[in-house]
Amino acid sequence: MKTDAAYELLRQFASPTAAITTAWQGKRNGMISDSVVRASISPSVPRLSVYIHKWHLSHDLIWQSGLFCIHLLHREQLDLVYNLGFSSGRERDKLAGVPHRLGQLGLPVLEDRVAAFELRVINTMDAGYATHFLGHIEAVHPGADKDILTPAWLRAHMPKAWEPEWLANYRKAQDVIEQHAAIEDRRWTGPVR
C-alpha cells in the first residue's frame, strides 16, 4: 500500500464500512465500500451517494440498472467483508450462501445488517477511475442494533492471515487508480432498457 502523511490524514474521511448490492438482468453482485456519504439532511429528500470503481462488476450493474442497495454493517460481520470484498464478482457469485431476500426494487437485501437502503440512481459524476452515484432512497430496512463497522475498526481487527491479500488488493487498486485518474466526458442517461 502506498501512503504518506497527507494520505493518512485523508483516510480519516472514510465512511462506515458498507456492503453494496445490485442486480440487472438476472446477474447480481455484492461488494464492500468505505465511500458511502449521506447526501441530504432533509427527511423529505433522503439521499446517499457512493463512489464505485469502474473495474467492479457492481459498477456495471448499477450503471445498467440504475439501482443499488447500501447496507450498514456491524462489527460481527468480518466474514461477510472477506466474502464480498476480497474477490471479484466476475469470478463467482459472491451472494451465494449469504442470507438475503429481494427488496422492493428487486435488489438483494442482506438479512444481517444494521440497516439497508434501496436506492434509485438520480445522477452520476465521473471521477476517472470511479463513478460517483447519487441515489434517492426508495426503501429503508432497519436491522440489528449493533456497533457499526468502520474502516479503522476493520483494519485494527482484521485477522492477520487476511493482511497479505488485503494489502495486495489495496496496492492493485492504487495502481489502477493512478493509471485511470483522467476524468471522462461521460454522461449517465438512465437505466439500460
Protein backbone atom coordinates (compact mmCIF):
# COMPACT_ATOMS: atom_id res chain seq x y z
CA MET A 1 0.00 0.00 0.00
CA LYS A 2 1.27 3.45 -0.91
CA THR A 3 0.91 6.07 1.79
CA ASP A 4 2.26 9.36 3.06
CA ALA A 5 1.32 11.81 5.83
CA ALA A 6 -1.35 13.55 3.73
CA TYR A 7 -2.91 10.24 2.65
CA GLU A 8 -3.09 9.04 6.25
CA LEU A 9 -4.99 12.24 7.14
CA LEU A 10 -7.35 11.72 4.17
CA ARG A 11 -8.18 8.25 5.47
CA GLN A 12 -9.97 9.96 8.37
CA PHE A 13 -12.76 10.94 5.95
CA ALA A 14 -13.83 7.32 5.37
CA SER A 15 -17.47 6.45 5.83
CA PRO A 16 -18.72 3.36 7.65
CA THR A 17 -17.84 0.07 6.01
CA ALA A 18 -20.85 -0.83 3.89
CA ALA A 19 -21.98 -3.65 1.64
CA ILE A 20 -23.35 -2.60 -1.74
CA THR A 21 -25.65 -4.96 -3.63
CA THR A 22 -27.17 -4.59 -7.06
CA ALA A 23 -28.77 -6.65 -9.82
CA TRP A 24 -29.52 -6.39 -13.52
CA GLN A 25 -30.97 -8.90 -15.97
CA GLY A 26 -30.55 -11.88 -13.65
CA LYS A 27 -26.99 -11.02 -12.61
CA ARG A 28 -26.43 -9.93 -9.02
CA ASN A 29 -23.41 -8.87 -7.03
CA GLY A 30 -22.25 -7.62 -3.67
CA MET A 31 -19.17 -5.64 -2.75
CA ILE A 32 -17.66 -3.71 0.17
CA SER A 33 -17.22 0.06 0.18
CA ASP A 34 -15.97 2.73 2.54
CA SER A 35 -17.11 5.63 0.35
CA VAL A 36 -20.80 5.96 1.23
CA VAL A 37 -21.86 9.50 2.09
CA ARG A 38 -25.14 10.98 3.32
CA ALA A 39 -26.19 13.35 0.55
CA SER A 40 -29.10 15.19 2.19
CA ILE A 41 -30.07 16.46 5.63
CA SER A 42 -33.79 16.61 4.82
CA PRO A 43 -36.02 13.65 5.72
CA SER A 44 -38.25 14.54 2.77
CA VAL A 45 -35.29 14.26 0.34
CA PRO A 46 -33.47 11.09 1.51
CA ARG A 47 -30.29 10.56 -0.49
CA LEU A 48 -26.99 8.72 -0.23
CA SER A 49 -24.04 8.61 -2.59
CA VAL A 50 -21.20 6.19 -3.20
CA TYR A 51 -18.07 6.01 -5.34
CA ILE A 52 -17.74 2.70 -7.19
CA HIS A 53 -14.53 1.83 -9.05
CA LYS A 54 -15.20 1.23 -12.74
CA TRP A 55 -13.49 -2.18 -12.80
CA HIS A 56 -16.01 -3.65 -10.33
CA LEU A 57 -18.86 -5.77 -11.64
CA SER A 58 -21.15 -3.81 -9.31
CA HIS A 59 -20.28 -0.64 -11.22
CA ASP A 60 -21.53 -2.15 -14.46
CA LEU A 61 -24.71 -3.49 -12.86
CA ILE A 62 -25.52 -0.16 -11.17
CA TRP A 63 -24.77 1.76 -14.38
CA GLN A 64 -27.09 -0.50 -16.38
CA SER A 65 -29.91 -0.90 -13.85
CA GLY A 66 -29.85 2.47 -12.10
CA LEU A 67 -30.40 0.64 -8.79
CA PHE A 68 -28.30 -0.25 -5.76
CA CYS A 69 -28.70 -1.13 -2.09
CA ILE A 70 -26.41 0.16 0.66
CA HIS A 71 -26.10 -1.89 3.86
CA LEU A 72 -24.63 -0.56 7.08
CA LEU A 73 -22.67 -3.44 8.60
CA HIS A 74 -21.83 -4.28 12.20
CA ARG A 75 -18.60 -5.43 13.81
CA GLU A 76 -19.59 -9.11 13.83
CA GLN A 77 -19.56 -9.25 10.01
CA LEU A 78 -15.87 -9.64 9.22
CA ASP A 79 -16.54 -12.87 7.31
CA LEU A 80 -19.05 -11.03 5.11
CA VAL A 81 -16.46 -8.33 4.44
CA TYR A 82 -14.00 -11.02 3.36
CA ASN A 83 -16.61 -12.77 1.19
CA LEU A 84 -17.79 -9.63 -0.59
CA GLY A 85 -14.61 -7.57 -0.51
CA PHE A 86 -11.63 -9.79 -1.24
CA SER A 87 -12.61 -11.22 -4.64
CA SER A 88 -14.39 -10.22 -7.82
CA GLY A 89 -18.00 -10.96 -8.69
CA ARG A 90 -16.73 -11.64 -12.20
CA GLU A 91 -15.17 -14.84 -10.81
CA ARG A 92 -18.02 -16.17 -8.65
CA ASP A 93 -21.48 -15.43 -7.26
CA LYS A 94 -20.47 -13.65 -4.07
CA LEU A 95 -24.04 -13.65 -2.73
CA ALA A 96 -24.37 -17.44 -2.90
CA GLY A 97 -24.68 -18.60 0.69
CA VAL A 98 -25.26 -15.08 2.03
CA PRO A 99 -28.78 -14.90 3.52
CA HIS A 100 -30.75 -12.24 1.66
CA ARG A 101 -34.12 -11.55 0.09
CA LEU A 102 -35.29 -9.35 -2.73
CA GLY A 103 -36.33 -5.87 -1.66
CA GLN A 104 -38.93 -3.52 -3.10
CA LEU A 105 -36.74 -2.64 -6.10
CA GLY A 106 -35.79 -6.27 -6.77
CA LEU A 107 -32.36 -5.82 -5.17
CA PRO A 108 -30.64 -8.27 -2.83
CA VAL A 109 -31.19 -7.06 0.76
CA LEU A 110 -28.91 -8.79 3.24
CA GLU A 111 -30.72 -10.33 6.20
CA ASP A 112 -27.95 -9.46 8.69
CA ARG A 113 -27.32 -5.70 8.77
CA VAL A 114 -27.68 -2.58 10.88
CA ALA A 115 -29.78 -1.04 8.12
CA ALA A 116 -30.30 -1.31 4.37
CA PHE A 117 -31.29 1.40 1.91
CA GLU A 118 -32.61 0.64 -1.57
CA LEU A 119 -31.77 3.48 -3.95
CA ARG A 120 -32.56 4.65 -7.45
CA VAL A 121 -29.74 6.50 -9.24
CA ILE A 122 -30.71 10.11 -9.90
CA ASN A 123 -27.34 11.45 -11.06
CA THR A 124 -23.71 10.50 -11.57
CA MET A 125 -20.33 12.17 -11.69
CA ASP A 126 -17.25 10.75 -13.37
CA ALA A 127 -14.17 10.51 -11.14
CA GLY A 128 -11.86 8.95 -13.74
CA TYR A 129 -11.27 5.59 -12.08
CA ALA A 130 -14.73 5.56 -10.46
CA THR A 131 -18.26 6.85 -10.81
CA HIS A 132 -19.98 8.78 -8.05
CA PHE A 133 -23.57 7.52 -7.95
CA LEU A 134 -26.14 9.76 -6.25
CA GLY A 135 -29.15 7.75 -5.18
CA HIS A 136 -32.60 8.61 -3.90
CA ILE A 137 -33.71 6.24 -1.11
CA GLU A 138 -36.82 4.32 -2.17
CA ALA A 139 -36.97 1.85 0.75
CA VAL A 140 -35.37 1.53 4.20
CA HIS A 141 -34.89 -1.78 6.05
CA PRO A 142 -33.88 -1.47 9.73
CA GLY A 143 -31.83 -4.31 11.19
CA ALA A 144 -29.66 -5.23 14.17
CA ASP A 145 -28.94 -2.67 16.89
CA LYS A 146 -25.17 -3.22 16.99
CA ASP A 147 -21.99 -1.16 16.68
CA ILE A 148 -21.42 -0.01 13.10
CA LEU A 149 -18.34 -1.36 11.34
CA THR A 150 -15.85 1.35 10.38
CA PRO A 151 -12.72 1.08 8.22
CA ALA A 152 -10.46 1.92 11.17
CA TRP A 153 -12.07 -0.77 13.35
CA LEU A 154 -11.88 -3.26 10.47
CA ARG A 155 -8.17 -2.62 9.89
CA ALA A 156 -7.46 -2.94 13.64
CA HIS A 157 -9.39 -6.21 13.99
CA MET A 158 -8.84 -7.92 10.64
CA PRO A 159 -7.40 -11.41 11.05
CA LYS A 160 -3.63 -11.31 10.46
CA ALA A 161 -3.98 -14.08 7.87
CA TRP A 162 -6.00 -11.72 5.65
CA GLU A 163 -3.49 -8.87 5.68
CA PRO A 164 -1.30 -10.00 2.74
CA GLU A 165 -4.34 -10.44 0.49
CA TRP A 166 -5.87 -7.14 1.66
CA LEU A 167 -2.62 -5.26 1.05
CA ALA A 168 -2.19 -6.84 -2.40
CA ASN A 169 -5.75 -5.86 -3.39
CA TYR A 170 -5.24 -2.36 -1.98
CA ARG A 171 -1.98 -1.86 -3.88
CA LYS A 172 -3.51 -3.15 -7.12
CA ALA A 173 -6.40 -0.70 -6.73
CA GLN A 174 -3.98 2.18 -6.09
CA ASP A 175 -2.03 1.29 -9.25
CA VAL A 176 -5.20 1.16 -11.39
CA ILE A 177 -6.41 4.47 -9.96
CA GLU A 178 -3.12 6.16 -10.81
CA GLN A 179 -3.36 4.90 -14.40
CA HIS A 180 -7.00 5.97 -14.86
CA ALA A 181 -7.28 9.26 -12.99
CA ALA A 182 -8.34 11.33 -16.03
CA ILE A 183 -11.97 12.45 -15.97
CA GLU A 184 -14.10 11.24 -18.88
CA ASP A 185 -16.80 13.30 -20.53
CA ARG A 186 -19.35 10.59 -19.91
CA ARG A 187 -22.99 11.10 -19.04
CA TRP A 188 -25.34 8.59 -17.46
CA THR A 189 -28.58 8.63 -19.44
CA GLY A 190 -30.59 6.31 -17.23
CA PRO A 191 -31.03 2.58 -16.89
CA VAL A 192 -30.44 0.37 -19.91
CA ARG A 193 -33.76 -0.78 -21.28
